[in-house]
N, C-alpha and C. Protein backbone atom coordinates (compact mmCIF):
# COMPACT_ATOMS: atom_id res chain seq x y z
N MET A 1 24.40 14.82 -119.08
CA MET A 1 24.95 15.78 -120.28
C MET A 1 25.15 14.69 -121.67
N LEU A 2 25.17 13.62 -120.86
CA LEU A 2 25.36 13.09 -122.62
C LEU A 2 23.89 12.42 -123.36
N ILE A 3 23.07 12.13 -122.68
CA ILE A 3 21.74 11.83 -122.84
C ILE A 3 20.87 12.93 -123.51
N ASP A 4 21.25 14.45 -123.50
CA ASP A 4 20.99 15.67 -123.89
C ASP A 4 21.58 15.61 -125.23
N ALA A 5 22.96 15.39 -125.16
CA ALA A 5 23.68 15.37 -126.21
C ALA A 5 23.02 14.44 -127.65
N LEU A 6 23.00 13.29 -127.28
CA LEU A 6 22.24 12.31 -127.71
C LEU A 6 20.73 12.76 -128.40
N LYS A 7 20.14 13.77 -127.21
CA LYS A 7 18.69 14.06 -128.03
C LYS A 7 18.77 15.02 -129.35
N ARG A 8 19.72 15.49 -128.86
CA ARG A 8 20.17 16.93 -129.99
C ARG A 8 20.75 15.89 -131.24
N GLY A 9 21.49 14.65 -131.25
CA GLY A 9 21.40 14.53 -132.65
C GLY A 9 23.03 14.22 -132.70
N GLU A 10 23.69 14.70 -131.37
CA GLU A 10 25.02 14.58 -131.13
C GLU A 10 25.81 13.44 -130.83
N THR A 11 26.72 12.76 -131.93
CA THR A 11 27.73 11.84 -131.70
C THR A 11 28.72 12.42 -130.49
N VAL A 12 29.13 11.42 -129.34
CA VAL A 12 29.92 12.13 -128.52
C VAL A 12 31.32 11.33 -128.14
N GLU A 13 32.24 11.68 -127.85
CA GLU A 13 33.45 10.82 -128.14
C GLU A 13 33.86 10.80 -126.75
N ILE A 14 34.17 9.58 -125.81
CA ILE A 14 34.45 9.71 -124.71
C ILE A 14 35.95 8.99 -124.97
N THR A 15 36.58 9.81 -123.71
CA THR A 15 38.12 9.82 -123.65
C THR A 15 38.06 9.72 -122.05
N TYR A 16 39.59 8.80 -122.02
CA TYR A 16 40.27 8.94 -120.78
C TYR A 16 41.43 9.02 -120.90
N HIS A 17 42.09 10.38 -120.39
CA HIS A 17 43.37 10.61 -120.06
C HIS A 17 43.88 10.84 -121.52
N GLY A 18 43.25 11.47 -122.38
CA GLY A 18 43.28 12.18 -123.42
C GLY A 18 43.22 10.77 -124.43
N GLN A 19 42.79 9.42 -124.10
CA GLN A 19 42.88 8.34 -125.20
C GLN A 19 41.03 8.23 -125.63
N THR A 20 40.96 8.10 -126.81
CA THR A 20 39.44 7.63 -127.15
C THR A 20 39.25 6.21 -126.49
N LEU A 21 38.01 6.49 -125.30
CA LEU A 21 37.70 5.02 -125.16
C LEU A 21 36.69 4.63 -126.09
N GLY A 22 35.72 5.16 -126.56
CA GLY A 22 34.52 4.56 -127.36
C GLY A 22 33.64 5.72 -127.72
N ILE A 23 32.82 5.72 -128.55
CA ILE A 23 32.31 6.81 -129.43
C ILE A 23 30.51 6.70 -128.90
N VAL A 24 29.85 7.25 -128.76
CA VAL A 24 28.60 7.44 -128.62
C VAL A 24 28.07 7.84 -129.61
N HIS A 25 26.72 7.35 -130.51
CA HIS A 25 26.23 8.27 -131.16
C HIS A 25 24.27 8.10 -131.06
N PRO A 26 23.65 8.68 -131.56
CA PRO A 26 22.23 8.65 -131.59
C PRO A 26 21.68 7.33 -132.23
N ALA A 27 20.78 6.52 -131.60
CA ALA A 27 20.67 5.30 -132.49
C ALA A 27 19.69 5.81 -133.64
N THR A 28 19.70 4.99 -134.40
CA THR A 28 18.66 5.06 -135.73
C THR A 28 17.56 4.02 -135.69
N PRO A 29 16.43 5.41 -136.15
CA PRO A 29 15.50 4.32 -135.92
C PRO A 29 15.39 3.40 -137.07
N THR A 30 14.63 2.33 -136.84
CA THR A 30 14.44 0.87 -137.49
C THR A 30 13.56 0.98 -138.48
N VAL A 31 13.16 0.50 -139.48
CA VAL A 31 12.67 0.35 -140.19
C VAL A 31 11.80 -1.15 -140.21
N ASN A 32 10.60 -1.50 -140.66
CA ASN A 32 10.92 -3.55 -140.87
C ASN A 32 9.65 -3.13 -142.02
N SER A 33 10.80 -4.04 -143.24
CA SER A 33 10.63 -4.21 -144.34
C SER A 33 9.06 -4.94 -144.68
N GLN A 34 8.43 -5.05 -145.49
CA GLN A 34 7.02 -5.58 -145.69
C GLN A 34 7.12 -7.29 -145.31
N GLU A 35 8.26 -7.79 -145.61
CA GLU A 35 8.38 -9.11 -145.25
C GLU A 35 8.08 -9.25 -143.64
N GLN A 36 9.21 -8.57 -142.93
CA GLN A 36 9.51 -8.97 -141.34
C GLN A 36 7.83 -8.21 -141.04
N GLU A 37 7.06 -7.09 -141.34
CA GLU A 37 5.78 -6.99 -140.96
C GLU A 37 4.70 -7.79 -140.98
N ALA A 38 4.99 -8.69 -142.05
CA ALA A 38 4.16 -9.66 -142.33
C ALA A 38 4.16 -10.72 -141.65
N ALA A 39 5.19 -11.24 -141.01
CA ALA A 39 5.76 -12.31 -139.76
C ALA A 39 5.38 -11.63 -138.92
N MET A 40 5.69 -10.80 -138.76
CA MET A 40 5.26 -10.41 -137.10
C MET A 40 3.52 -10.29 -137.04
N ASN A 41 2.92 -9.73 -138.23
CA ASN A 41 1.04 -9.90 -137.85
C ASN A 41 0.98 -11.48 -137.77
N GLU A 42 1.94 -12.28 -138.76
CA GLU A 42 1.16 -13.60 -138.51
C GLU A 42 1.52 -14.36 -137.21
N PHE A 43 2.76 -13.61 -136.54
CA PHE A 43 3.00 -14.49 -135.39
C PHE A 43 2.10 -14.00 -134.36
N PHE A 44 1.89 -12.61 -134.10
CA PHE A 44 1.34 -11.96 -132.56
C PHE A 44 -0.24 -12.18 -133.64
N GLY A 45 -1.01 -12.55 -134.57
CA GLY A 45 -2.17 -12.75 -134.54
C GLY A 45 -2.59 -14.52 -134.80
N MET A 46 -1.49 -15.28 -134.43
CA MET A 46 -1.62 -16.12 -134.75
C MET A 46 -2.89 -16.94 -134.12
N HIS A 47 -3.50 -16.41 -133.23
CA HIS A 47 -4.45 -16.61 -132.15
C HIS A 47 -5.19 -15.98 -131.93
N GLN A 48 -5.35 -15.24 -133.40
CA GLN A 48 -6.74 -13.86 -133.39
C GLN A 48 -8.25 -14.81 -133.62
N ASP A 49 -8.52 -16.24 -133.90
CA ASP A 49 -9.81 -16.46 -133.81
C ASP A 49 -10.22 -17.70 -132.90
N LEU A 50 -9.04 -17.90 -131.84
CA LEU A 50 -9.74 -18.67 -130.52
C LEU A 50 -9.69 -17.22 -129.94
N GLY A 51 -10.79 -17.99 -128.76
CA GLY A 51 -10.82 -17.21 -127.65
C GLY A 51 -9.67 -17.31 -126.33
N ILE A 52 -10.13 -16.27 -125.36
CA ILE A 52 -8.91 -16.18 -124.44
C ILE A 52 -9.04 -17.45 -123.42
N ALA A 53 -10.06 -17.92 -123.25
CA ALA A 53 -10.00 -19.55 -122.54
C ALA A 53 -9.41 -20.62 -123.29
N ASP A 54 -9.30 -20.28 -124.72
CA ASP A 54 -8.16 -21.53 -125.66
C ASP A 54 -7.00 -21.19 -125.29
N VAL A 55 -6.75 -19.60 -125.38
CA VAL A 55 -5.58 -19.49 -125.35
C VAL A 55 -4.64 -19.95 -123.84
N GLU A 56 -5.20 -19.68 -123.09
CA GLU A 56 -5.10 -19.66 -121.41
C GLU A 56 -4.92 -20.84 -121.57
N ASP A 57 -5.70 -22.12 -122.05
CA ASP A 57 -5.37 -23.62 -121.73
C ASP A 57 -4.41 -24.19 -122.40
N GLU A 58 -3.55 -23.31 -123.64
CA GLU A 58 -2.87 -23.81 -124.22
C GLU A 58 -1.85 -23.55 -123.46
N LEU A 59 -0.94 -21.77 -122.59
CA LEU A 59 -0.36 -21.74 -122.39
C LEU A 59 -0.49 -22.68 -120.85
N ARG A 60 -1.37 -22.94 -120.29
CA ARG A 60 -1.35 -24.26 -119.27
C ARG A 60 -0.75 -25.55 -119.68
N VAL A 61 -0.92 -25.83 -120.86
CA VAL A 61 -0.06 -27.26 -121.40
C VAL A 61 1.30 -27.05 -121.47
N ILE A 62 1.30 -25.63 -122.11
CA ILE A 62 2.91 -25.40 -122.45
C ILE A 62 3.61 -25.48 -121.05
N ARG A 63 3.43 -24.84 -119.93
CA ARG A 63 3.59 -24.93 -118.67
C ARG A 63 3.44 -25.75 -117.96
N LYS A 64 2.79 -26.86 -118.11
CA LYS A 64 2.79 -28.24 -117.37
C LYS A 64 3.63 -29.07 -118.04
N GLY A 65 4.49 -28.98 -119.31
CA GLY A 65 5.33 -29.76 -119.77
C GLY A 65 6.49 -29.15 -119.40
N ARG A 66 6.50 -28.10 -119.61
CA ARG A 66 8.40 -27.44 -118.82
C ARG A 66 8.62 -27.94 -117.45
N ARG A 67 7.36 -27.92 -116.46
CA ARG A 67 7.10 -28.20 -115.55
C ARG A 67 7.76 -29.41 -114.96
N SER A 68 7.08 -30.23 -115.60
CA SER A 68 6.90 -31.90 -115.73
C SER A 68 8.39 -32.22 -115.70
N LEU A 69 9.48 -31.91 -116.83
CA LEU A 69 11.02 -31.93 -117.04
C LEU A 69 11.38 -31.34 -116.43
N LEU A 70 11.61 -30.01 -115.41
CA LEU A 70 11.87 -30.07 -114.15
C LEU A 70 11.78 -31.00 -112.89
N SER A 71 10.74 -31.55 -112.96
CA SER A 71 10.37 -32.59 -111.99
C SER A 71 11.33 -33.48 -111.80
N ASP A 72 11.55 -33.99 -113.37
CA ASP A 72 12.37 -35.48 -113.53
C ASP A 72 13.74 -35.09 -113.15
N LEU A 73 14.13 -34.10 -113.23
CA LEU A 73 15.74 -33.94 -112.51
C LEU A 73 15.73 -34.60 -111.04
């Protein structure tokens, strides 16, 4: 019932023994600014010029460093 109301765009007040415990409202869609969009494109495209093997090698190096720190404990 609650989910159905949210799907219809309704705000729902939740009460317990006549007292309001909370209000649930539909999520508002977020809109990325041009600056956010550019930053995400840069971040997710940072390895676009590398082959998949190069990226996998880089991940192995990162993970190896993380594991070696744990073994030093």
